[in-house]
């Protein structure tokens, strides 16, 4: 009788351990909303790039050109993972440092911007202002 009870207990434990675990089901709306938000961000970025290429905002175009050039130079010095690591560390430390030394950083940035504006005025006076600007006829097509 005791052996029968032990056998039944072992059999019931074995059957309960072989039961199927509950399935994890994620709602479809979660993925649809995620895809919509990613699509909206991509469309906004593409719109920015199109405005940059065709809009005629020279300062913004030059800023993007300079940042891409700087990224290419930095990328030639080290590999992608190193750049990602430096970016991660900078992303987490620079805001704290800016909050601590906000006045000094702002003063330095303003002085650099003043120097850049001074150099731009020199280039504008010596080179850019000498480029002829003519009116285009709307009926005339360039071939």
Foldseek 3Di string as FASTA:
>chain_A
DVVVVVVVVVVVVVVVVPDDDDDDDDDPVVVVVVVVVVVVVVVVVVVVVVCLVPVPPVVVVVVVVVVVVVVVVVCVVDPDVVVVVVVVVCVPPVVVVCVVPVPVVVVVVVVVVVVVVVVVVVCCVPPVVPDDDDDDDPPDDDD
